[in-house]
Amino acid sequence: MSQKSKPFSIRLTPEERAKLEQQAGNRSLGEYIRECLLGKQPAKSRAVRSQFPTKDKQALATVLALLGKSAFSTSLSKLAHAVQIGALSVSEETEALIHNACIEISEIKTHIMKALGIQEK
């Protein structure tokens, strides 16, 4: 008999698959199922499955690049500075909105970088 492993297929509902993927954590689904059914420990050299599918990482990277390219944060920071030094006259409400927009853009950038696994410098 051949030592080569042979595939085995099983049908799962989307809910069943989602539950198994959640339970598997960073392990591949096949590795997790083999471990549960056969008690086999995973090989130590196995690659860790990413938290996000590649297409999601690409989309997040594109959003981060567009956010940086847009210079929203820089423009809003300049407006906020002009307000602070009195070079731009605005109401307190508008000043607060500009300040909050700066904070929100910074938070968006931080969350996208965290999702991509990028450390902010």
N, C-alpha and C. Protein backbone atom coordinates (compact mmCIF):
# COMPACT_ATOMS: atom_id res chain seq x y z
N MET A 1 0.84 -1.18 0.00
CA MET A 1 0.00 0.00 0.00
C MET A 1 0.88 1.24 0.00
N SER A 2 0.49 2.23 -0.73
CA SER A 2 1.25 3.47 -0.89
C SER A 2 1.27 4.28 0.40
N GLN A 3 2.41 4.93 0.68
CA GLN A 3 2.56 5.79 1.85
C GLN A 3 2.03 7.20 1.59
N LYS A 4 1.70 7.49 0.36
CA LYS A 4 1.21 8.82 -0.01
C LYS A 4 -0.17 9.05 0.60
N SER A 5 -0.36 10.24 1.18
CA SER A 5 -1.67 10.54 1.78
C SER A 5 -2.69 10.77 0.68
N LYS A 6 -3.93 10.47 0.99
CA LYS A 6 -5.01 10.61 0.03
C LYS A 6 -6.03 11.61 0.57
N PRO A 7 -6.57 12.46 -0.29
CA PRO A 7 -7.53 13.47 0.18
C PRO A 7 -8.86 12.86 0.59
N PHE A 8 -9.52 13.53 1.51
CA PHE A 8 -10.85 13.15 1.96
C PHE A 8 -11.69 14.41 1.96
N SER A 9 -12.87 14.34 1.38
CA SER A 9 -13.73 15.51 1.25
C SER A 9 -14.96 15.38 2.13
N ILE A 10 -15.40 16.51 2.69
CA ILE A 10 -16.61 16.53 3.51
C ILE A 10 -17.35 17.83 3.22
N ARG A 11 -18.66 17.75 3.15
CA ARG A 11 -19.47 18.95 2.91
C ARG A 11 -19.86 19.58 4.24
N LEU A 12 -19.72 20.90 4.30
CA LEU A 12 -20.09 21.65 5.50
C LEU A 12 -20.99 22.81 5.12
N THR A 13 -21.89 23.15 6.00
CA THR A 13 -22.67 24.37 5.77
C THR A 13 -21.73 25.55 6.03
N PRO A 14 -22.07 26.73 5.53
CA PRO A 14 -21.22 27.90 5.81
C PRO A 14 -21.05 28.13 7.32
N GLU A 15 -22.10 27.88 8.09
CA GLU A 15 -22.02 28.07 9.54
C GLU A 15 -21.07 27.06 10.18
N GLU A 16 -21.15 25.80 9.73
CA GLU A 16 -20.27 24.77 10.27
C GLU A 16 -18.81 25.09 9.97
N ARG A 17 -18.56 25.50 8.73
CA ARG A 17 -17.19 25.83 8.33
C ARG A 17 -16.67 27.03 9.13
N ALA A 18 -17.50 28.05 9.29
CA ALA A 18 -17.08 29.23 10.05
C ALA A 18 -16.74 28.86 11.49
N LYS A 19 -17.55 27.97 12.08
CA LYS A 19 -17.30 27.54 13.45
C LYS A 19 -15.98 26.78 13.54
N LEU A 20 -15.74 25.88 12.60
CA LEU A 20 -14.49 25.12 12.60
C LEU A 20 -13.28 26.04 12.39
N GLU A 21 -13.42 27.01 11.47
CA GLU A 21 -12.31 27.94 11.22
C GLU A 21 -12.01 28.77 12.46
N GLN A 22 -13.05 29.15 13.17
CA GLN A 22 -12.85 29.91 14.40
C GLN A 22 -12.13 29.05 15.44
N GLN A 23 -12.55 27.81 15.57
CA GLN A 23 -11.92 26.90 16.53
C GLN A 23 -10.49 26.58 16.14
N ALA A 24 -10.21 26.55 14.84
CA ALA A 24 -8.87 26.22 14.36
C ALA A 24 -7.86 27.31 14.69
N GLY A 25 -8.35 28.53 14.83
CA GLY A 25 -7.44 29.64 15.14
C GLY A 25 -6.47 29.86 14.00
N ASN A 26 -5.16 29.79 14.30
CA ASN A 26 -4.13 30.02 13.28
C ASN A 26 -3.76 28.77 12.49
N ARG A 27 -4.32 27.64 12.88
CA ARG A 27 -4.02 26.40 12.18
C ARG A 27 -4.86 26.28 10.92
N SER A 28 -4.36 25.51 9.97
CA SER A 28 -5.17 25.25 8.78
C SER A 28 -6.36 24.39 9.19
N LEU A 29 -7.43 24.46 8.43
CA LEU A 29 -8.63 23.70 8.76
C LEU A 29 -8.35 22.20 8.74
N GLY A 30 -7.61 21.74 7.74
CA GLY A 30 -7.26 20.32 7.65
C GLY A 30 -6.44 19.86 8.84
N GLU A 31 -5.48 20.68 9.23
CA GLU A 31 -4.64 20.34 10.37
C GLU A 31 -5.48 20.24 11.65
N TYR A 32 -6.39 21.18 11.83
CA TYR A 32 -7.25 21.19 13.02
C TYR A 32 -8.15 19.95 13.05
N ILE A 33 -8.77 19.62 11.92
CA ILE A 33 -9.67 18.46 11.86
C ILE A 33 -8.90 17.17 12.12
N ARG A 34 -7.70 17.02 11.51
CA ARG A 34 -6.88 15.83 11.75
C ARG A 34 -6.54 15.70 13.24
N GLU A 35 -6.19 16.83 13.85
CA GLU A 35 -5.84 16.82 15.27
C GLU A 35 -7.03 16.37 16.12
N CYS A 36 -8.24 16.90 15.79
CA CYS A 36 -9.43 16.53 16.56
C CYS A 36 -9.82 15.07 16.37
N LEU A 37 -9.79 14.61 15.14
CA LEU A 37 -10.24 13.25 14.85
C LEU A 37 -9.22 12.18 15.19
N LEU A 38 -7.95 12.45 14.91
CA LEU A 38 -6.94 11.42 15.06
C LEU A 38 -5.98 11.66 16.22
N GLY A 39 -6.10 12.81 16.85
CA GLY A 39 -5.21 13.13 17.97
C GLY A 39 -3.79 13.41 17.54
N LYS A 40 -3.60 13.70 16.26
CA LYS A 40 -2.25 13.98 15.77
C LYS A 40 -1.88 15.42 16.07
N GLN A 41 -0.70 15.59 16.60
CA GLN A 41 -0.19 16.93 16.86
C GLN A 41 0.33 17.52 15.55
N PRO A 42 0.15 18.82 15.35
CA PRO A 42 0.60 19.44 14.10
C PRO A 42 2.12 19.43 13.99
N ALA A 43 2.59 19.36 12.75
CA ALA A 43 4.02 19.45 12.50
C ALA A 43 4.51 20.84 12.90
N LYS A 44 5.68 20.91 13.51
CA LYS A 44 6.17 22.18 14.02
C LYS A 44 6.61 23.12 12.90
N SER A 45 6.88 22.62 11.73
CA SER A 45 7.38 23.46 10.65
C SER A 45 6.26 24.06 9.79
N ARG A 46 5.03 23.80 10.16
CA ARG A 46 3.90 24.30 9.37
C ARG A 46 3.83 25.82 9.42
N ALA A 47 3.49 26.40 8.30
CA ALA A 47 3.32 27.86 8.25
C ALA A 47 2.03 28.23 8.98
N VAL A 48 2.04 29.38 9.62
CA VAL A 48 0.86 29.87 10.33
C VAL A 48 -0.05 30.57 9.33
N ARG A 49 -1.32 30.21 9.39
CA ARG A 49 -2.29 30.81 8.48
C ARG A 49 -2.53 32.25 8.89
N SER A 50 -2.61 33.11 7.90
CA SER A 50 -2.82 34.53 8.15
C SER A 50 -4.21 34.78 8.71
N GLN A 51 -4.34 35.84 9.49
CA GLN A 51 -5.64 36.23 10.06
C GLN A 51 -6.57 36.73 8.96
N PHE A 52 -6.01 37.32 7.91
CA PHE A 52 -6.80 37.87 6.82
C PHE A 52 -6.44 37.17 5.52
N PRO A 53 -7.42 36.89 4.66
CA PRO A 53 -7.09 36.38 3.34
C PRO A 53 -6.25 37.40 2.58
N THR A 54 -5.46 36.93 1.62
CA THR A 54 -4.57 37.80 0.87
C THR A 54 -5.31 38.96 0.23
N LYS A 55 -6.49 38.71 -0.34
CA LYS A 55 -7.21 39.79 -1.01
C LYS A 55 -7.59 40.89 -0.02
N ASP A 56 -7.89 40.52 1.24
CA ASP A 56 -8.21 41.53 2.25
C ASP A 56 -6.98 42.35 2.61
N LYS A 57 -5.83 41.70 2.70
CA LYS A 57 -4.59 42.43 2.99
C LYS A 57 -4.28 43.40 1.85
N GLN A 58 -4.49 42.96 0.63
CA GLN A 58 -4.24 43.83 -0.52
C GLN A 58 -5.17 45.03 -0.49
N ALA A 59 -6.43 44.80 -0.17
CA ALA A 59 -7.40 45.90 -0.10
C ALA A 59 -7.04 46.87 1.01
N LEU A 60 -6.67 46.35 2.17
CA LEU A 60 -6.27 47.22 3.28
C LEU A 60 -5.01 48.01 2.94
N ALA A 61 -4.06 47.36 2.28
CA ALA A 61 -2.83 48.06 1.88
C ALA A 61 -3.15 49.17 0.89
N THR A 62 -4.08 48.93 -0.02
CA THR A 62 -4.50 49.96 -0.98
C THR A 62 -5.14 51.13 -0.26
N VAL A 63 -6.02 50.84 0.70
CA VAL A 63 -6.67 51.91 1.47
C VAL A 63 -5.63 52.73 2.23
N LEU A 64 -4.66 52.05 2.85
CA LEU A 64 -3.62 52.76 3.59
C LEU A 64 -2.79 53.64 2.66
N ALA A 65 -2.47 53.13 1.48
CA ALA A 65 -1.70 53.93 0.51
C ALA A 65 -2.49 55.14 0.05
N LEU A 66 -3.78 54.95 -0.23
CA LEU A 66 -4.62 56.08 -0.65
C LEU A 66 -4.77 57.10 0.47
N LEU A 67 -4.87 56.64 1.69
CA LEU A 67 -4.98 57.55 2.83
C LEU A 67 -3.71 58.40 2.95
N GLY A 68 -2.56 57.77 2.78
CA GLY A 68 -1.30 58.50 2.83
C GLY A 68 -1.14 59.45 1.66
N LYS A 69 -1.54 59.01 0.49
CA LYS A 69 -1.42 59.82 -0.73
C LYS A 69 -2.35 61.03 -0.69
N SER A 70 -3.49 60.89 -0.04
CA SER A 70 -4.49 61.96 -0.04
C SER A 70 -4.07 63.17 0.77
N ALA A 71 -3.19 63.01 1.72
CA ALA A 71 -2.70 64.10 2.58
C ALA A 71 -3.81 64.76 3.38
N PHE A 72 -4.89 64.03 3.65
CA PHE A 72 -5.97 64.57 4.49
C PHE A 72 -5.42 65.01 5.84
N SER A 73 -4.65 64.13 6.44
CA SER A 73 -4.14 64.40 7.78
C SER A 73 -3.27 65.66 7.80
N THR A 74 -2.39 65.79 6.82
CA THR A 74 -1.52 66.96 6.75
C THR A 74 -2.32 68.23 6.54
N SER A 75 -3.27 68.18 5.63
CA SER A 75 -4.10 69.37 5.35
C SER A 75 -4.91 69.78 6.57
N LEU A 76 -5.50 68.81 7.24
CA LEU A 76 -6.28 69.12 8.44
C LEU A 76 -5.39 69.63 9.57
N SER A 77 -4.20 69.08 9.68
CA SER A 77 -3.27 69.56 10.71
C SER A 77 -2.88 71.01 10.45
N LYS A 78 -2.66 71.35 9.18
CA LYS A 78 -2.33 72.74 8.83
C LYS A 78 -3.49 73.68 9.16
N LEU A 79 -4.70 73.23 8.85
CA LEU A 79 -5.88 74.04 9.20
C LEU A 79 -5.99 74.22 10.71
N ALA A 80 -5.78 73.14 11.44
CA ALA A 80 -5.86 73.22 12.90
C ALA A 80 -4.80 74.17 13.45
N HIS A 81 -3.60 74.11 12.90
CA HIS A 81 -2.53 75.00 13.35
C HIS A 81 -2.86 76.46 13.04
N ALA A 82 -3.39 76.71 11.83
CA ALA A 82 -3.77 78.08 11.46
C ALA A 82 -4.83 78.62 12.40
N VAL A 83 -5.76 77.77 12.80
CA VAL A 83 -6.79 78.19 13.75
C VAL A 83 -6.16 78.51 15.11
N GLN A 84 -5.25 77.65 15.54
CA GLN A 84 -4.62 77.83 16.86
C GLN A 84 -3.81 79.12 16.95
N ILE A 85 -3.14 79.51 15.86
CA ILE A 85 -2.31 80.72 15.91
C ILE A 85 -3.10 81.97 15.51
N GLY A 86 -4.37 81.79 15.17
CA GLY A 86 -5.22 82.93 14.84
C GLY A 86 -5.16 83.38 13.40
N ALA A 87 -4.49 82.61 12.53
CA ALA A 87 -4.39 82.97 11.12
C ALA A 87 -5.66 82.63 10.35
N LEU A 88 -6.51 81.80 10.93
CA LEU A 88 -7.76 81.41 10.29
C LEU A 88 -8.86 81.56 11.33
N SER A 89 -9.83 82.37 10.99
CA SER A 89 -10.92 82.63 11.93
C SER A 89 -12.07 81.66 11.68
N VAL A 90 -12.35 80.83 12.69
CA VAL A 90 -13.47 79.89 12.60
C VAL A 90 -14.17 79.84 13.95
N SER A 91 -15.35 79.29 13.94
CA SER A 91 -16.10 79.15 15.20
C SER A 91 -15.47 78.03 16.03
N GLU A 92 -15.79 78.00 17.30
CA GLU A 92 -15.28 76.94 18.18
C GLU A 92 -15.75 75.58 17.71
N GLU A 93 -16.97 75.54 17.18
CA GLU A 93 -17.52 74.27 16.68
C GLU A 93 -16.69 73.77 15.50
N THR A 94 -16.36 74.67 14.56
CA THR A 94 -15.56 74.28 13.39
C THR A 94 -14.17 73.86 13.82
N GLU A 95 -13.60 74.57 14.78
CA GLU A 95 -12.28 74.20 15.29
C GLU A 95 -12.31 72.80 15.89
N ALA A 96 -13.35 72.50 16.65
CA ALA A 96 -13.48 71.18 17.25
C ALA A 96 -13.65 70.10 16.18
N LEU A 97 -14.40 70.41 15.13
CA LEU A 97 -14.60 69.45 14.03
C LEU A 97 -13.28 69.15 13.32
N ILE A 98 -12.49 70.19 13.08
CA ILE A 98 -11.19 69.99 12.43
C ILE A 98 -10.29 69.13 13.32
N HIS A 99 -10.25 69.45 14.59
CA HIS A 99 -9.43 68.69 15.53
C HIS A 99 -9.87 67.22 15.59
N ASN A 100 -11.17 66.99 15.67
CA ASN A 100 -11.70 65.61 15.72
C ASN A 100 -11.41 64.86 14.43
N ALA A 101 -11.47 65.54 13.29
CA ALA A 101 -11.17 64.90 12.01
C ALA A 101 -9.72 64.43 11.98
N CYS A 102 -8.81 65.26 12.51
CA CYS A 102 -7.39 64.87 12.59
C CYS A 102 -7.23 63.59 13.41
N ILE A 103 -7.88 63.56 14.54
CA ILE A 103 -7.79 62.39 15.43
C ILE A 103 -8.37 61.15 14.75
N GLU A 104 -9.52 61.29 14.11
CA GLU A 104 -10.17 60.15 13.46
C GLU A 104 -9.32 59.59 12.32
N ILE A 105 -8.72 60.45 11.52
CA ILE A 105 -7.86 59.97 10.43
C ILE A 105 -6.66 59.22 11.00
N SER A 106 -6.10 59.74 12.06
CA SER A 106 -4.97 59.07 12.71
C SER A 106 -5.39 57.69 13.23
N GLU A 107 -6.57 57.60 13.81
CA GLU A 107 -7.07 56.32 14.32
C GLU A 107 -7.33 55.33 13.19
N ILE A 108 -7.87 55.81 12.08
CA ILE A 108 -8.11 54.94 10.92
C ILE A 108 -6.79 54.36 10.45
N LYS A 109 -5.79 55.21 10.30
CA LYS A 109 -4.46 54.77 9.86
C LYS A 109 -3.90 53.72 10.82
N THR A 110 -4.00 53.98 12.11
CA THR A 110 -3.49 53.05 13.12
C THR A 110 -4.18 51.69 13.03
N HIS A 111 -5.50 51.68 12.87
CA HIS A 111 -6.24 50.42 12.78
C HIS A 111 -5.89 49.66 11.50
N ILE A 112 -5.74 50.35 10.39
CA ILE A 112 -5.37 49.67 9.14
C ILE A 112 -3.98 49.07 9.27
N MET A 113 -3.05 49.83 9.83
CA MET A 113 -1.69 49.32 10.00
C MET A 113 -1.67 48.10 10.93
N LYS A 114 -2.46 48.15 11.98
CA LYS A 114 -2.53 47.01 12.91
C LYS A 114 -3.09 45.79 12.19
N ALA A 115 -4.14 45.99 11.37
CA ALA A 115 -4.73 44.87 10.63
C ALA A 115 -3.74 44.26 9.66
N LEU A 116 -2.83 45.08 9.13
CA LEU A 116 -1.83 44.59 8.19
C LEU A 116 -0.58 44.05 8.91
N GLY A 117 -0.52 44.24 10.22
CA GLY A 117 0.65 43.78 10.97
C GLY A 117 1.85 44.69 10.81
N ILE A 118 1.61 45.96 10.52
CA ILE A 118 2.69 46.93 10.34
C ILE A 118 2.87 47.71 11.63
N GLN A 119 4.12 47.82 12.07
CA GLN A 119 4.43 48.60 13.27
C GLN A 119 4.64 50.06 12.87
N GLU A 120 3.98 50.96 13.58
CA GLU A 120 4.13 52.39 13.30
C GLU A 120 5.46 52.87 13.87
N LYS A 121 6.16 53.69 13.10
CA LYS A 121 7.47 54.20 13.53
C LYS A 121 7.33 55.45 14.31
